[in-house]
Protein backbone atom coordinates (compact mmCIF):
# COMPACT_ATOMS: atom_id res chain seq x y z
CA MET A 1 1.20 -9.10 6.46
CA SER A 2 0.44 -7.07 3.36
CA ARG A 3 -0.95 -8.82 0.29
CA THR A 4 -0.62 -7.84 -3.34
CA SER A 5 -3.48 -8.46 -5.75
CA THR A 6 -2.60 -11.67 -7.62
CA GLN A 7 -3.12 -10.05 -11.02
CA ASN A 8 -0.33 -7.58 -10.19
CA ILE A 9 2.29 -10.14 -9.13
CA LEU A 10 5.21 -10.09 -11.55
CA VAL A 11 6.51 -13.40 -12.89
CA SER A 12 10.01 -14.02 -14.27
CA THR A 13 11.73 -17.19 -15.46
CA THR A 14 15.11 -15.66 -14.52
CA PRO A 15 16.49 -15.16 -10.99
CA ARG A 16 16.20 -11.38 -11.41
CA LEU A 17 13.62 -8.76 -12.35
CA GLU A 18 14.83 -6.20 -14.85
CA GLY A 19 14.45 -2.69 -13.39
CA TRP A 20 13.44 -4.03 -9.97
CA GLU A 21 15.39 -4.56 -6.77
CA ILE A 22 14.62 -7.67 -4.75
CA ARG A 23 14.37 -6.65 -1.09
CA GLU A 24 13.32 -9.92 0.51
CA TYR A 25 13.26 -13.60 -0.45
CA LEU A 26 10.15 -15.29 0.95
CA GLY A 27 10.92 -18.89 0.04
CA ALA A 28 10.16 -21.42 -2.66
CA VAL A 29 6.56 -22.01 -3.76
CA SER A 30 5.14 -24.78 -5.90
CA ALA A 31 1.82 -25.80 -7.40
CA HIS A 32 0.47 -28.86 -9.20
CA VAL A 33 -2.41 -29.49 -11.55
CA VAL A 34 -3.35 -33.11 -12.28
CA ALA A 35 -5.87 -34.08 -14.94
CA GLY A 36 -6.83 -37.16 -16.87
CA THR A 37 -5.42 -37.53 -20.36
CA ASN A 38 -8.99 -37.39 -21.66
CA ILE A 39 -8.80 -33.59 -21.36
CA PHE A 40 -7.41 -33.71 -24.89
CA SER A 41 -10.04 -36.09 -26.23
CA ASP A 42 -12.00 -33.27 -27.83
CA ILE A 43 -9.03 -32.40 -30.02
CA ALA A 44 -9.51 -33.91 -33.45
CA ALA A 45 -5.82 -34.42 -34.23
CA SER A 46 -5.17 -35.22 -37.85
CA TRP A 47 -2.05 -36.85 -39.30
CA ARG A 48 -0.92 -33.37 -40.19
CA ASP A 49 -1.23 -32.37 -36.49
CA VAL A 50 1.03 -35.23 -35.49
CA PHE A 51 3.64 -35.14 -38.25
CA GLY A 52 3.27 -31.84 -40.04
CA GLY A 53 2.92 -29.21 -37.38
CA GLN A 54 1.55 -28.13 -34.03
CA SER A 55 -2.05 -28.68 -33.04
CA GLN A 56 -3.45 -25.29 -32.09
CA SER A 57 -6.19 -26.92 -30.01
CA TYR A 58 -3.65 -28.98 -28.08
CA LYS A 59 -1.49 -25.89 -27.58
CA LYS A 60 -4.45 -23.87 -26.28
CA GLN A 61 -5.37 -26.58 -23.79
CA LEU A 62 -1.81 -26.70 -22.47
CA GLU A 63 -1.66 -22.92 -22.15
CA GLN A 64 -4.84 -22.91 -20.05
CA ILE A 65 -3.40 -25.53 -17.68
CA ASN A 66 -0.10 -23.63 -17.44
CA GLU A 67 -1.98 -20.41 -16.62
CA GLN A 68 -3.91 -22.22 -13.92
CA VAL A 69 -0.81 -23.56 -12.19
CA VAL A 70 0.95 -20.17 -12.38
CA ASP A 71 -2.15 -18.51 -10.89
CA GLU A 72 -1.83 -20.89 -7.94
CA LEU A 73 1.79 -19.78 -7.51
CA ARG A 74 0.64 -16.16 -7.52
CA GLU A 75 -1.88 -16.94 -4.77
CA GLU A 76 0.83 -18.54 -2.65
CA ALA A 77 3.22 -15.63 -3.20
CA SER A 78 0.49 -13.14 -2.26
CA ALA A 79 -0.28 -15.08 0.92
CA ARG A 80 3.37 -14.77 1.93
CA GLY A 81 3.38 -11.01 1.35
CA GLY A 82 5.26 -11.20 -1.96
CA ASN A 83 4.69 -9.14 -5.08
CA ALA A 84 6.79 -11.13 -7.56
CA LEU A 85 7.93 -14.61 -8.56
CA VAL A 86 11.40 -15.32 -9.93
CA GLY A 87 12.98 -18.45 -11.38
CA LEU A 88 9.68 -19.81 -12.70
CA ARG A 89 9.88 -23.38 -13.99
CA ILE A 90 7.05 -25.48 -15.43
CA ASP A 91 7.34 -29.26 -15.92
CA HIS A 92 4.94 -31.62 -17.67
CA ASP A 93 4.71 -35.31 -16.72
CA GLN A 94 2.54 -38.25 -17.57
CA ILE A 95 1.68 -40.60 -14.70
CA SER A 96 0.32 -44.09 -15.24
CA GLY A 97 -0.89 -46.74 -12.86
CA GLN A 98 -3.76 -49.20 -12.40
CA ASN A 99 -4.60 -48.92 -16.10
CA LYS A 100 -5.07 -45.16 -15.75
CA GLU A 101 -3.04 -42.31 -17.13
CA MET A 102 -2.85 -38.84 -15.66
CA PHE A 103 -1.31 -35.64 -16.97
CA MET A 104 0.48 -33.49 -14.34
CA VAL A 105 1.80 -29.94 -14.62
CA THR A 106 4.16 -28.75 -11.88
CA ALA A 107 5.27 -25.15 -11.46
CA SER A 108 7.86 -23.85 -9.01
CA ALA A 109 9.39 -20.44 -8.30
CA THR A 110 10.73 -18.25 -5.53
CA ALA A 111 8.38 -15.69 -3.96
CA VAL A 112 10.02 -12.32 -3.37
CA ARG A 113 9.21 -8.80 -2.25
CA ALA A 114 10.64 -6.34 -4.77
CA GLN A 115 10.47 -2.66 -5.58
CA PRO A 116 11.36 -0.64 -8.68
CA SER A 117 15.07 0.09 -8.73
CA SER A 118 15.86 3.66 -7.67
CA LYS A 119 19.37 3.54 -9.06
CA GLN A 120 19.65 3.53 -12.82
CA ASP A 121 22.59 4.57 -14.91
CA SER A 122 20.90 7.25 -17.00
CA ALA A 123 24.04 7.91 -19.03
CA GLY A 124 24.34 4.23 -19.88
CA ARG A 125 20.68 4.09 -20.87
CA GLN A 126 21.02 7.06 -23.19
CA GLU A 127 23.99 5.43 -24.86
CA GLY A 128 22.39 2.01 -25.18
CA GLU A 129 18.82 2.99 -26.07
CA LYS A 130 19.32 4.41 -29.53
CA ALA A 131 16.14 2.75 -30.73
CA VAL A 132 12.78 1.99 -29.18
CA THR A 133 10.31 -0.68 -30.09
CA ALA A 134 6.86 -0.03 -31.51
CA ARG A 135 5.37 -1.39 -28.29
CA GLU A 136 7.36 1.11 -26.20
CA VAL A 137 6.19 3.95 -28.42
CA SER A 138 2.60 2.75 -28.15
CA THR A 139 2.87 2.66 -24.36
CA GLU A 140 4.23 6.22 -24.24
CA GLU A 141 1.46 7.41 -26.56
CA GLN A 142 -1.15 5.90 -24.26
CA ILE A 143 0.46 7.64 -21.26
CA VAL A 144 0.35 10.97 -23.12
CA ARG A 145 -3.34 10.48 -23.92
CA LEU A 146 -4.17 9.59 -20.32
CA ASN A 147 -2.29 12.64 -19.03
CA ARG A 148 -4.22 14.90 -21.40
CA LYS A 149 -7.53 13.44 -20.26
CA ALA A 150 -6.53 13.92 -16.62
CA GLN A 151 -5.59 17.55 -17.27
CA HIS A 152 -8.96 18.19 -18.92
CA GLY A 153 -10.82 16.42 -16.10
CA ASP A 154 -12.40 13.73 -18.26
CA LEU A 155 -10.26 10.71 -17.39
CA LYS A 156 -12.45 7.75 -16.38
CA LEU A 157 -10.57 4.98 -14.61
CA LYS A 158 -11.95 1.67 -15.84
CA GLU A 159 -10.35 -1.70 -15.09
CA ASN A 160 -8.28 -1.83 -18.28
CA ARG A 161 -6.84 1.61 -17.57
CA TRP A 162 -6.04 0.69 -13.98
CA ARG A 163 -4.16 -2.39 -15.23
CA PHE A 164 -2.25 -0.25 -17.71
CA LEU A 165 -1.22 2.29 -15.04
CA ILE A 166 -0.15 -0.45 -12.62
CA GLU A 167 1.70 -2.65 -15.09
CA ASN A 168 3.59 0.31 -16.57
CA GLN A 169 4.16 2.08 -13.21
CA VAL A 170 2.85 5.41 -14.53
CA ALA A 171 3.92 7.69 -11.67
CA GLY A 172 2.95 10.86 -13.54
CA LEU A 173 -0.72 10.38 -12.65
CA ALA A 174 -0.15 9.96 -8.90
CA GLY A 175 -1.64 13.39 -8.15
CA PHE A 176 -4.78 12.54 -10.12
CA ILE A 177 -5.08 9.19 -8.33
CA GLN A 178 -4.63 10.94 -4.99
CA ASN A 179 -7.61 13.20 -5.73
CA THR A 180 -9.58 10.20 -6.99
CA VAL A 181 -9.06 8.43 -3.67
CA ILE A 182 -10.37 11.43 -1.72
CA GLU A 183 -13.45 11.67 -3.96
CA THR A 184 -14.04 7.91 -3.69
CA LEU A 185 -13.88 7.94 0.11
CA ASP A 186 -16.27 10.88 0.13
CA GLY A 187 -18.64 8.86 -2.05
CA LEU A 188 -18.49 5.90 0.34
CA ALA A 189 -19.31 8.18 3.27
CA ARG A 190 -22.60 9.10 1.57
CA ARG A 191 -23.97 5.55 1.94
CA PRO A 192 -24.23 4.55 -1.75
CA THR A 193 -26.23 1.63 -3.12
CA ARG A 194 -24.75 -1.85 -2.80
CA ASN A 195 -23.53 -1.97 -6.42
CA ARG A 196 -22.11 1.53 -6.24
CA LYS A 197 -20.38 0.68 -2.98
CA LYS A 198 -18.67 -2.32 -4.61
CA GLN A 199 -17.49 -0.10 -7.47
CA LEU A 200 -16.04 2.47 -5.08
CA GLU A 201 -14.34 -0.20 -2.95
CA ARG A 202 -12.80 -1.70 -6.09
CA GLN A 203 -11.58 1.78 -7.03
CA LEU A 204 -9.75 1.99 -3.71
CA GLU A 205 -8.21 -1.47 -4.21
CA ASN A 206 -6.86 -0.39 -7.58
CA ALA A 207 -5.53 2.85 -6.13
CA ARG A 208 -3.73 0.89 -3.42
CA ASP A 209 -2.12 -1.42 -5.99
CA TYR A 210 -1.21 1.61 -8.11
CA PHE A 211 0.70 3.34 -5.32
CA LEU A 212 2.48 0.10 -4.46
CA SER A 213 3.55 -0.33 -8.09
CA ILE A 214 5.05 3.09 -8.84
CA PRO A 215 8.58 4.10 -7.72
CA GLU A 216 8.80 4.25 -3.94
CA ASP A 217 9.79 7.93 -3.65
CA SER A 218 6.84 9.04 -5.77
CA ALA A 219 4.44 6.86 -3.77
CA LYS A 220 5.76 8.26 -0.49
CA ASP A 221 5.49 11.87 -1.73
CA HIS A 222 1.75 11.52 -2.34
CA LEU A 223 0.83 9.15 0.47
CA TYR A 224 2.62 11.12 3.19
CA ASN A 225 1.05 14.30 1.80
CA THR A 226 -2.39 12.66 1.98
CA THR A 227 -1.94 11.92 5.70
CA SER A 228 -2.28 15.67 6.39
CA HIS A 229 -5.89 15.66 5.12
CA ASP A 230 -8.50 16.91 7.59
CA GLU A 231 -10.77 13.86 7.05
CA SER A 232 -9.80 10.94 9.29
CA ARG A 233 -10.99 8.32 6.76
CA VAL A 234 -8.61 9.75 4.14
CA VAL A 235 -5.71 9.70 6.60
CA ASP A 236 -6.53 6.12 7.61
CA TRP A 237 -6.56 4.97 3.97
CA ALA A 238 -3.19 6.57 3.21
CA VAL A 239 -1.59 5.13 6.35
CA GLY A 240 -3.05 1.74 5.43
CA VAL A 241 -1.29 1.78 2.05
CA LEU A 242 1.97 2.86 3.69
CA GLU A 243 1.50 -0.07 6.06
CA ASP A 244 0.85 -2.56 3.23
CA GLY A 245 3.98 -1.42 1.39
CA ASN A 246 6.26 -1.18 4.44
CA LEU A 247 6.89 2.44 3.46
CA LEU A 248 8.06 3.88 6.78
CA ASP A 249 10.45 6.77 6.08
CA LEU A 250 12.25 7.87 9.24
CA GLY A 251 13.48 11.09 7.63
CA ARG A 252 9.97 12.15 6.67
CA ILE A 253 8.68 11.30 10.16
CA GLU A 254 11.37 13.48 11.72
CA THR A 255 10.31 16.39 9.49
CA MET A 256 6.64 15.84 10.33
CA LEU A 257 7.33 15.87 14.08
CA LYS A 258 8.78 19.36 13.63
CA GLY A 259 5.73 20.60 11.73
CA ASP A 260 2.15 21.63 12.44
CA PHE A 261 0.56 19.69 15.30
CA TYR A 262 -2.70 18.82 13.53
CA GLU A 263 -1.49 18.33 9.96
CA GLU A 264 1.88 16.65 10.57
CA GLN A 265 2.67 15.68 14.15
CA LYS A 266 -0.52 13.71 14.80
CA PRO A 267 -0.31 11.75 11.50
CA ALA A 268 3.37 11.02 12.27
CA LEU A 269 2.34 9.26 15.49
CA GLU A 270 -0.23 7.18 13.59
CA ILE A 271 2.35 6.18 10.97
CA LEU A 272 4.93 5.22 13.59
CA THR A 273 2.51 2.86 15.33
CA ARG A 274 1.36 1.10 12.15
CA VAL A 275 4.02 1.27 9.44
CA ASP A 276 7.32 -0.60 9.15
CA LYS A 277 10.37 -0.50 6.91
CA PRO A 278 11.06 -3.46 4.62
CA TYR A 279 14.30 -3.99 6.57
CA TYR A 280 16.28 -2.21 9.29
CA GLU A 281 19.98 -1.41 9.51
CA LYS A 282 22.06 -0.78 12.61
CA GLU A 283 22.19 2.96 11.91
CA ASP A 284 18.37 3.06 12.20
CA LEU A 285 18.70 2.55 15.95
CA GLY A 286 20.08 6.06 16.34
CA ARG A 287 17.31 7.54 14.21
CA LEU A 288 14.61 5.69 16.13
CA GLY A 289 16.13 6.89 19.37
CA ALA A 290 16.06 10.49 18.11
CA LEU A 291 12.38 10.16 17.19
CA LYS A 292 11.67 8.77 20.66
CA SER A 293 13.27 11.85 22.24
CA MET A 294 11.32 14.19 19.98
CA ILE A 295 8.03 12.62 21.04
CA GLU A 296 8.94 12.60 24.72
CA ASN A 297 9.75 16.31 24.65
CA GLY A 298 7.50 17.62 21.91
CA PHE A 299 3.94 17.13 23.10
CA GLY A 300 1.98 19.01 25.72
CA LYS A 301 -1.37 20.72 26.21
CA LYS A 302 -2.75 22.36 23.08
CA GLY A 303 -5.77 23.84 24.80
CA LYS A 304 -5.80 26.61 27.37
CA VAL A 305 -7.34 27.09 30.77
CA ILE A 306 -9.14 30.39 31.23
CA GLU A 307 -11.17 32.07 33.95
CA VAL A 308 -14.73 33.19 33.30
CA GLU A 309 -17.10 35.15 35.50
CA VAL A 310 -20.12 33.27 36.79
CA GLU A 311 -23.09 34.86 38.54
CA GLU A 312 -24.34 33.04 41.60
CA SER A 313 -27.73 34.25 42.82
CA GLY A 314 -28.73 34.04 46.46
CA MET A 315 -31.99 34.80 48.22
CA PHE A 316 -31.14 38.45 48.83
CA SER A 317 -28.21 39.20 46.48
CA SER A 318 -26.18 37.95 43.58
CA ASP A 319 -22.39 37.54 43.56
CA THR A 320 -19.99 37.29 40.64
CA LYS A 321 -17.34 34.63 40.97
CA LYS A 322 -14.57 33.39 38.70
CA LYS A 323 -14.48 29.84 37.45
CA GLU A 324 -11.86 27.92 35.45
CA VAL A 325 -12.83 26.31 32.12
CA TRP A 326 -10.76 24.98 29.24
CA GLN A 327 -10.88 25.69 25.54
CA ILE A 328 -9.19 24.36 22.40
CA LYS A 329 -9.05 25.86 18.91
CA ASP A 330 -11.02 28.88 20.18
CA SER A 331 -14.16 26.74 20.25
CA ALA A 332 -16.54 25.95 23.09
CA ARG A 333 -15.58 26.52 26.70
CA ASN A 334 -15.71 23.30 28.67
CA PRO A 335 -15.94 22.52 32.41
CA MET A 336 -12.66 21.28 33.88
CA ASP A 337 -14.15 17.86 34.63
CA GLN A 338 -15.22 17.35 30.98
CA LYS A 339 -12.57 15.35 29.10
CA TYR A 340 -13.52 16.11 25.49
CA CYS A 341 -14.60 19.39 23.93
CA SER A 342 -18.32 19.43 23.15
CA GLU A 343 -17.65 21.17 19.83
CA THR A 344 -14.40 19.70 18.43
CA GLY A 345 -14.34 16.29 20.12
CA LEU A 346 -10.72 16.91 21.18
CA ASP A 347 -9.25 16.80 24.66
CA ILE A 348 -7.04 19.53 26.10
CA TYR A 349 -3.98 17.84 24.51
CA GLY A 350 -5.55 18.05 21.05
CA PHE A 351 -6.45 14.37 20.57
CA GLY A 352 -9.78 12.74 19.76
CA LYS A 353 -11.04 9.55 21.42
CA THR A 354 -9.66 7.15 18.77
CA GLU A 355 -6.53 9.02 17.70
CA THR A 356 -3.03 7.71 18.37
CA ARG A 357 -1.38 9.42 21.32
CA PRO A 358 2.30 10.03 22.08
CA ASP A 359 2.46 7.31 24.73
CA GLU A 360 1.21 4.72 22.21
CA ALA A 361 3.87 5.70 19.67
CA LEU A 362 6.52 5.67 22.40
CA GLY A 363 5.48 2.15 23.38
CA VAL A 364 5.92 0.93 19.81
CA LEU A 365 9.29 2.67 19.45
CA LYS A 366 10.64 1.27 22.71
CA THR A 367 9.66 -2.27 21.73
CA LYS A 368 11.17 -1.90 18.26
CA ILE A 369 14.43 -0.46 19.60
CA ALA A 370 14.72 -3.29 22.14
CA ALA A 371 14.03 -5.92 19.46
CA LEU A 372 16.58 -4.43 17.06
CA ASN A 373 19.22 -4.26 19.80
CA ARG A 374 18.70 -7.97 20.47
CA ARG A 375 18.99 -8.84 16.80
CA PHE A 376 22.11 -6.76 16.16
CA GLU A 377 23.79 -8.06 19.32
CA ARG A 378 23.47 -11.61 17.97
CA SER A 379 24.79 -10.73 14.52
């Protein structure tokens, strides 16, 4: 189950999220914080605090407790695979018993999995948005500045900037983030120091949350493109994010299976075995069946078997004989009993030892199709 960083989980007191589409309800979650009433003993409340206004110290203490209980809700939502909370409600109660008084804060909400809405009435927005707030202008100005820095190659992604990009779903920098991921993975491959390694790993966590925050189509464009990279660690990272976001796109997979063997077909098999959709419809059965047929009929030997002349020397003469060897990508020539090429590490079908093969993808597809048939037969 994929998990969203708790700091990126949206929270709403209403049943809906403006500009977001709820794809799955994951159930109610609740959290409690209980403390003794002496937590407020350090607040020197004057008569003015009681009768004339609001004690700022008391207010601050309550806000800290409320934040704590909401953070617990975020943890629970993340554990269930959610990325948002809707219908948030916070209640405050005082409990007394055995000459003791306790202060309890209870928070409840519904954990959901949501994605930015892809359908917006642009005409209606243009008519209704005749004015923008100063905060909206400030946000757009910050985006412009970040884009300029990225174009000039001097954009440094610190934590505050990552939070800004994620919270505001700034899809325009997806290409820059894509390149950042590749550079970060390259840095990790060079065995950095422990502190540097932690920084690079945190960079990848932020990049993952970024791609899961921006509009789905934009995220797919860049992540599916990244799976064609020639470095396996880059491909694995991109497929991992697709997996976390349930970003399987059957149309894109069909296109990939018609493309280049190394850059598209092989990554398509990896995606099919690891990535799901957020939900399936009955019409998906036909598309999954079509993909199954494409895999069954679309893969064969990518290497070639050739004959080479071999000299065999005897005691009195030498004879030239022909011997079969196999070769892939015009690299080394390998004996027929050698499974993997000594130069490329690929077998005669074009696959490395740890790469996903057609039969593995077919196994996953067959199981999924059977499971969906059972579900739709019952509905």
